[in-house]
């Protein structure tokens, strides 16, 4: 059974940092591209790709988080991380991790097969 379990969300002030974690089980961690998506709290219909780590270690970020967010994997612990620095109120959202077997993918939710339940991030000004 595939499970992706996010944690690390919370409430912070603008300029602060959080590190999100996604504990993965039931899939070959190294054989899957992994990504973080988010859905703003005030707009349930929009899910945005935030960061992607392909199996070839190539990374992609949405423009609004470049230089502030970093995606990484701990292969031993089978955890996907998203380090978020210099947080802004517009980063407030529910953050989801997602997985897709192999390949080289783009930051589009349509490609991803497995999803977690999400963790909420709230940034106050």
Protein backbone atom coordinates (compact mmCIF):
# COMPACT_ATOMS: atom_id res chain seq x y z
CA UNK A 1 0.00 0.00 0.00
CA UNK A 2 1.40 3.38 -1.02
CA UNK A 3 1.43 6.00 1.69
CA UNK A 4 2.67 9.58 1.61
CA UNK A 5 2.35 11.33 4.96
CA UNK A 6 3.16 15.03 5.23
CA UNK A 7 4.13 16.87 8.38
CA UNK A 8 5.85 20.06 9.46
CA UNK A 9 3.22 22.61 8.64
CA UNK A 10 2.22 25.34 11.03
CA UNK A 11 1.80 29.05 11.57
CA UNK A 12 4.72 31.44 11.19
CA UNK A 13 5.29 35.12 10.69
CA UNK A 14 6.49 36.53 7.40
CA UNK A 15 10.22 36.03 6.99
CA UNK A 16 10.19 32.83 8.99
CA UNK A 17 11.06 29.28 7.95
CA UNK A 18 9.46 25.86 7.97
CA UNK A 19 10.60 22.46 6.81
CA UNK A 20 7.95 20.14 5.48
CA UNK A 21 8.48 16.39 5.48
CA UNK A 22 6.80 13.64 3.50
CA UNK A 23 7.33 10.11 4.77
CA UNK A 24 7.01 7.64 1.92
CA UNK A 25 6.20 3.94 2.02
CA UNK A 26 5.00 1.30 -0.42
CA UNK A 27 7.01 2.54 -3.43
CA UNK A 28 10.64 2.45 -4.50
CA UNK A 29 11.73 5.82 -3.22
CA UNK A 30 14.65 6.20 -5.59
CA UNK A 31 12.59 5.15 -8.59
CA UNK A 32 9.97 7.86 -8.24
CA UNK A 33 10.02 11.52 -9.09
CA UNK A 34 8.65 13.50 -6.16
CA UNK A 35 7.04 16.91 -5.95
CA UNK A 36 5.35 19.38 -3.68
CA UNK A 37 2.10 21.08 -4.64
CA UNK A 38 -0.02 23.57 -2.77
CA UNK A 39 -3.58 24.76 -2.73
CA UNK A 40 -4.18 28.21 -1.26
CA UNK A 41 -6.47 28.25 1.74
CA UNK A 42 -8.75 30.85 0.20
CA UNK A 43 -9.00 29.25 -3.24
CA UNK A 44 -9.93 25.60 -3.10
CA UNK A 45 -9.88 25.17 -6.88
CA UNK A 46 -6.28 26.07 -7.64
CA UNK A 47 -3.50 23.54 -7.07
CA UNK A 48 -0.05 24.89 -7.90
CA UNK A 49 3.16 22.98 -8.46
CA UNK A 50 5.84 24.25 -6.07
CA UNK A 51 8.92 22.06 -6.43
CA UNK A 52 9.91 18.91 -8.27
CA UNK A 53 12.77 16.45 -7.86
CA UNK A 54 13.09 14.05 -10.76
CA UNK A 55 14.83 10.69 -10.52
CA UNK A 56 17.84 12.14 -12.35
CA UNK A 57 18.14 14.70 -9.52
CA UNK A 58 16.99 17.52 -11.75
CA UNK A 59 14.93 20.06 -9.79
CA UNK A 60 12.28 22.53 -10.87
CA UNK A 61 10.61 25.31 -8.89
CA UNK A 62 7.76 27.62 -9.57
CA UNK A 63 9.05 31.15 -10.07
CA UNK A 64 7.55 32.57 -6.89
CA UNK A 65 9.61 30.27 -4.63
CA UNK A 66 12.94 30.20 -6.45
CA UNK A 67 15.77 31.11 -4.11
CA UNK A 68 13.58 30.57 -1.04
CA UNK A 69 12.48 26.93 -1.17
CA UNK A 70 14.61 23.80 -1.55
CA UNK A 71 13.39 20.28 -2.29
CA UNK A 72 15.47 17.29 -1.21
CA UNK A 73 15.31 13.59 -0.42
CA UNK A 74 16.70 11.50 2.43
CA UNK A 75 17.04 8.12 0.74
CA UNK A 76 17.85 6.28 3.95
CA UNK A 77 14.80 7.56 5.81
CA UNK A 78 12.59 7.68 2.67
CA UNK A 79 11.56 11.24 3.40
CA UNK A 80 10.98 14.07 0.95
CA UNK A 81 11.66 17.53 2.35
CA UNK A 82 10.71 21.05 1.42
CA UNK A 83 12.79 23.67 3.18
CA UNK A 84 10.93 26.96 3.05
CA UNK A 85 12.74 30.17 3.97
CA UNK A 86 11.69 33.82 3.91
CA UNK A 87 8.05 32.82 3.95
CA UNK A 88 5.45 35.27 2.69
CA UNK A 89 1.71 35.51 3.37
CA UNK A 90 1.05 34.37 -0.20
CA UNK A 91 2.77 31.07 0.64
CA UNK A 92 -0.14 30.22 2.94
CA UNK A 93 -1.68 27.02 1.60
CA UNK A 94 -2.19 23.35 2.16
CA UNK A 95 0.95 21.60 0.90
CA UNK A 96 0.85 18.12 -0.63
CA UNK A 97 3.61 15.77 -1.66
CA UNK A 98 3.14 13.60 -4.73
CA UNK A 99 4.98 10.79 -6.48
CA UNK A 100 5.28 9.51 -10.03
CA UNK A 101 7.23 6.44 -11.15
CA UNK A 102 10.48 7.14 -13.02
CA UNK A 103 10.84 9.49 -15.95
CA UNK A 104 11.36 13.18 -16.20
CA UNK A 105 8.28 15.15 -15.37
CA UNK A 106 7.07 18.72 -15.22
CA UNK A 107 5.38 20.48 -12.33
CA UNK A 108 1.89 19.57 -13.40
CA UNK A 109 -0.43 17.71 -11.07
CA UNK A 110 -1.89 15.70 -13.97
CA UNK A 111 1.26 13.52 -14.11
CA UNK A 112 1.35 12.42 -10.48
CA UNK A 113 -0.16 9.15 -9.32
CA UNK A 114 0.22 9.17 -5.55
CA UNK A 115 -0.71 11.94 -3.14
CA UNK A 116 -0.60 12.62 0.55
CA UNK A 117 -3.30 14.29 2.63
CA UNK A 118 -1.43 17.54 3.01
CA UNK A 119 -0.15 19.78 5.75
CA UNK A 120 -1.28 23.35 6.30
CA UNK A 121 1.04 26.35 6.26
CA UNK A 122 -0.15 29.75 7.43
CA UNK A 123 2.07 32.81 7.13
CA UNK A 124 0.99 36.01 8.85
CA UNK A 125 2.20 39.47 7.93
